[in-house]
Amino acid sequence: MSFKKIPYKLISDENYELLNGAGVLEEGMKMLKMETSK
């Protein structure tokens, strides 16, 4: 699930930052799992 697809105007700046941070963290975890599974 990508948070980047959420329309910016529907959510507050603070929530947008939180969702973006969660999205970045999720992507980082995926990359980490791919690296460790090699």
PDB file of N, CA and C in Angstrom:
ATOM      1  N   MET A   1       0.845  -1.197   0.000  1.00  0.00           N
ATOM      2  CA  MET A   1       0.000   0.000   0.000  1.00  0.00           C
ATOM      3  C   MET A   1       0.879   1.245   0.000  1.00  0.00           C
ATOM      4  N   SER A   2       0.662   2.093  -0.970  1.00  0.00           N
ATOM      5  CA  SER A   2       1.480   3.297  -1.070  1.00  0.00           C
ATOM      6  C   SER A   2       0.715   4.509  -0.568  1.00  0.00           C
ATOM      7  N   PHE A   3       1.308   5.212   0.386  1.00  0.00           N
ATOM      8  CA  PHE A   3       0.658   6.384   0.951  1.00  0.00           C
ATOM      9  C   PHE A   3       0.749   7.574   0.009  1.00  0.00           C
ATOM     10  N   LYS A   4       1.639   7.495  -0.970  1.00  0.00           N
ATOM     11  CA  LYS A   4       1.831   8.618  -1.881  1.00  0.00           C
ATOM     12  C   LYS A   4       0.611   8.860  -2.754  1.00  0.00           C
ATOM     13  N   LYS A   5      -0.258   7.850  -2.859  1.00  0.00           N
ATOM     14  CA  LYS A   5      -1.443   7.982  -3.706  1.00  0.00           C
ATOM     15  C   LYS A   5      -2.581   8.728  -3.013  1.00  0.00           C
ATOM     16  N   ILE A   6      -2.430   8.993  -1.715  1.00  0.00           N
ATOM     17  CA  ILE A   6      -3.466   9.710  -0.979  1.00  0.00           C
ATOM     18  C   ILE A   6      -3.457  11.181  -1.397  1.00  0.00           C
ATOM     19  N   PRO A   7      -4.599  11.711  -1.827  1.00  0.00           N
ATOM     20  CA  PRO A   7      -4.676  13.131  -2.209  1.00  0.00           C
ATOM     21  C   PRO A   7      -4.254  14.018  -1.046  1.00  0.00           C
ATOM     22  N   TYR A   8      -3.319  14.903  -1.301  1.00  0.00           N
ATOM     23  CA  TYR A   8      -2.735  15.739  -0.255  1.00  0.00           C
ATOM     24  C   TYR A   8      -3.780  16.588   0.474  1.00  0.00           C
ATOM     25  N   LYS A   9      -4.715  17.144  -0.277  1.00  0.00           N
ATOM     26  CA  LYS A   9      -5.670  18.082   0.313  1.00  0.00           C
ATOM     27  C   LYS A   9      -6.682  17.419   1.247  1.00  0.00           C
ATOM     28  N   LEU A  10      -6.797  16.102   1.195  1.00  0.00           N
ATOM     29  CA  LEU A  10      -7.776  15.419   2.041  1.00  0.00           C
ATOM     30  C   LEU A  10      -7.283  15.213   3.471  1.00  0.00           C
ATOM     31  N   ILE A  11      -5.995  15.400   3.666  1.00  0.00           N
ATOM     32  CA  ILE A  11      -5.443  15.176   5.007  1.00  0.00           C
ATOM     33  C   ILE A  11      -4.591  16.357   5.445  1.00  0.00           C
ATOM     34  N   SER A  12      -4.444  16.524   6.737  1.00  0.00           N
ATOM     35  CA  SER A  12      -3.674  17.644   7.275  1.00  0.00           C
ATOM     36  C   SER A  12      -2.181  17.446   7.021  1.00  0.00           C
ATOM     37  N   ASP A  13      -1.446  18.532   7.112  1.00  0.00           N
ATOM     38  CA  ASP A  13       0.004  18.466   6.905  1.00  0.00           C
ATOM     39  C   ASP A  13       0.653  17.473   7.859  1.00  0.00           C
ATOM     40  N   GLU A  14       0.218  17.504   9.104  1.00  0.00           N
ATOM     41  CA  GLU A  14       0.826  16.629  10.113  1.00  0.00           C
ATOM     42  C   GLU A  14       0.576  15.165   9.780  1.00  0.00           C
ATOM     43  N   ASN A  15      -0.670  14.843   9.436  1.00  0.00           N
ATOM     44  CA  ASN A  15      -1.000  13.461   9.089  1.00  0.00           C
ATOM     45  C   ASN A  15      -0.278  13.042   7.820  1.00  0.00           C
ATOM     46  N   TYR A  16      -0.142  13.963   6.869  1.00  0.00           N
ATOM     47  CA  TYR A  16       0.555  13.661   5.626  1.00  0.00           C
ATOM     48  C   TYR A  16       2.005  13.281   5.922  1.00  0.00           C
ATOM     49  N   GLU A  17       2.626  14.039   6.814  1.00  0.00           N
ATOM     50  CA  GLU A  17       4.014  13.745   7.192  1.00  0.00           C
ATOM     51  C   GLU A  17       4.117  12.374   7.853  1.00  0.00           C
ATOM     52  N   LEU A  18       3.161  12.063   8.720  1.00  0.00           N
ATOM     53  CA  LEU A  18       3.164  10.770   9.408  1.00  0.00           C
ATOM     54  C   LEU A  18       2.992   9.631   8.414  1.00  0.00           C
ATOM     55  N   LEU A  19       2.056   9.797   7.479  1.00  0.00           N
ATOM     56  CA  LEU A  19       1.800   8.752   6.484  1.00  0.00           C
ATOM     57  C   LEU A  19       3.011   8.591   5.576  1.00  0.00           C
ATOM     58  N   ASN A  20       3.599   9.702   5.168  1.00  0.00           N
ATOM     59  CA  ASN A  20       4.784   9.651   4.318  1.00  0.00           C
ATOM     60  C   ASN A  20       5.925   8.949   5.043  1.00  0.00           C
ATOM     61  N   GLY A  21       6.095   9.271   6.324  1.00  0.00           N
ATOM     62  CA  GLY A  21       7.143   8.636   7.117  1.00  0.00           C
ATOM     63  C   GLY A  21       6.919   7.140   7.217  1.00  0.00           C
ATOM     64  N   ALA A  22       5.669   6.743   7.421  1.00  0.00           N
ATOM     65  CA  ALA A  22       5.333   5.323   7.515  1.00  0.00           C
ATOM     66  C   ALA A  22       5.601   4.634   6.182  1.00  0.00           C
ATOM     67  N   GLY A  23       5.279   5.312   5.086  1.00  0.00           N
ATOM     68  CA  GLY A  23       5.500   4.755   3.753  1.00  0.00           C
ATOM     69  C   GLY A  23       6.978   4.543   3.483  1.00  0.00           C
ATOM     70  N   VAL A  24       7.776   5.536   3.856  1.00  0.00           N
ATOM     71  CA  VAL A  24       9.225   5.431   3.667  1.00  0.00           C
ATOM     72  C   VAL A  24       9.787   4.294   4.508  1.00  0.00           C
ATOM     73  N   LEU A  25       9.292   4.186   5.743  1.00  0.00           N
ATOM     74  CA  LEU A  25       9.749   3.125   6.641  1.00  0.00           C
ATOM     75  C   LEU A  25       9.393   1.756   6.071  1.00  0.00           C
ATOM     76  N   GLU A  26       8.182   1.648   5.532  1.00  0.00           N
ATOM     77  CA  GLU A  26       7.723   0.379   4.962  1.00  0.00           C
ATOM     78  C   GLU A  26       8.597  -0.012   3.775  1.00  0.00           C
ATOM     79  N   GLU A  27       8.905   0.962   2.924  1.00  0.00           N
ATOM     80  CA  GLU A  27       9.761   0.692   1.770  1.00  0.00           C
ATOM     81  C   GLU A  27      11.148   0.249   2.238  1.00  0.00           C
ATOM     82  N   GLY A  28      11.636   0.898   3.283  1.00  0.00           N
ATOM     83  CA  GLY A  28      12.948   0.548   3.825  1.00  0.00           C
ATOM     84  C   GLY A  28      12.969  -0.881   4.346  1.00  0.00           C
ATOM     85  N   MET A  29      11.891  -1.278   5.011  1.00  0.00           N
ATOM     86  CA  MET A  29      11.805  -2.638   5.541  1.00  0.00           C
ATOM     87  C   MET A  29      11.779  -3.661   4.413  1.00  0.00           C
ATOM     88  N   LYS A  30      11.069  -3.350   3.325  1.00  0.00           N
ATOM     89  CA  LYS A  30      11.016  -4.253   2.164  1.00  0.00           C
ATOM     90  C   LYS A  30      12.416  -4.440   1.592  1.00  0.00           C
ATOM     91  N   MET A  31      13.142  -3.318   1.441  1.00  0.00           N
ATOM     92  CA  MET A  31      14.489  -3.381   0.881  1.00  0.00           C
ATOM     93  C   MET A  31      15.405  -4.185   1.797  1.00  0.00           C
ATOM     94  N   LEU A  32      15.251  -3.982   3.100  1.00  0.00           N
ATOM     95  CA  LEU A  32      16.080  -4.693   4.071  1.00  0.00           C
ATOM     96  C   LEU A  32      15.829  -6.196   3.998  1.00  0.00           C
ATOM     97  N   LYS A  33      14.563  -6.575   3.884  1.00  0.00           N
ATOM     98  CA  LYS A  33      14.215  -7.998   3.788  1.00  0.00           C
ATOM     99  C   LYS A  33      14.802  -8.605   2.518  1.00  0.00           C
ATOM    100  N   MET A  34      14.749  -7.851   1.415  1.00  0.00           N
ATOM    101  CA  MET A  34      15.293  -8.345   0.154  1.00  0.00           C
ATOM    102  C   MET A  34      16.800  -8.540   0.274  1.00  0.00           C
ATOM    103  N   GLU A  35      17.458  -7.612   0.954  1.00  0.00           N
ATOM    104  CA  GLU A  35      18.908  -7.702   1.130  1.00  0.00           C
ATOM    105  C   GLU A  35      19.287  -8.899   1.988  1.00  0.00           C
ATOM    106  N   THR A  36      18.537  -9.121   3.061  1.00  0.00           N
ATOM    107  CA  THR A  36      18.889 -10.194   3.995  1.00  0.00           C
ATOM    108  C   THR A  36      18.512 -11.574   3.469  1.00  0.00           C
ATOM    109  N   SER A  37      17.609 -11.622   2.492  1.00  0.00           N
ATOM    110  CA  SER A  37      17.168 -12.928   1.983  1.00  0.00           C
ATOM    111  C   SER A  37      18.045 -13.432   0.845  1.00  0.00           C
ATOM    112  N   LYS A  38      19.025 -12.616   0.428  1.00  0.00           N
ATOM    113  CA  LYS A  38      19.896 -13.035  -0.669  1.00  0.00           C
ATOM    114  C   LYS A  38      20.836 -14.150  -0.227  1.00  0.00           C
TER     115      LYS A  38
END
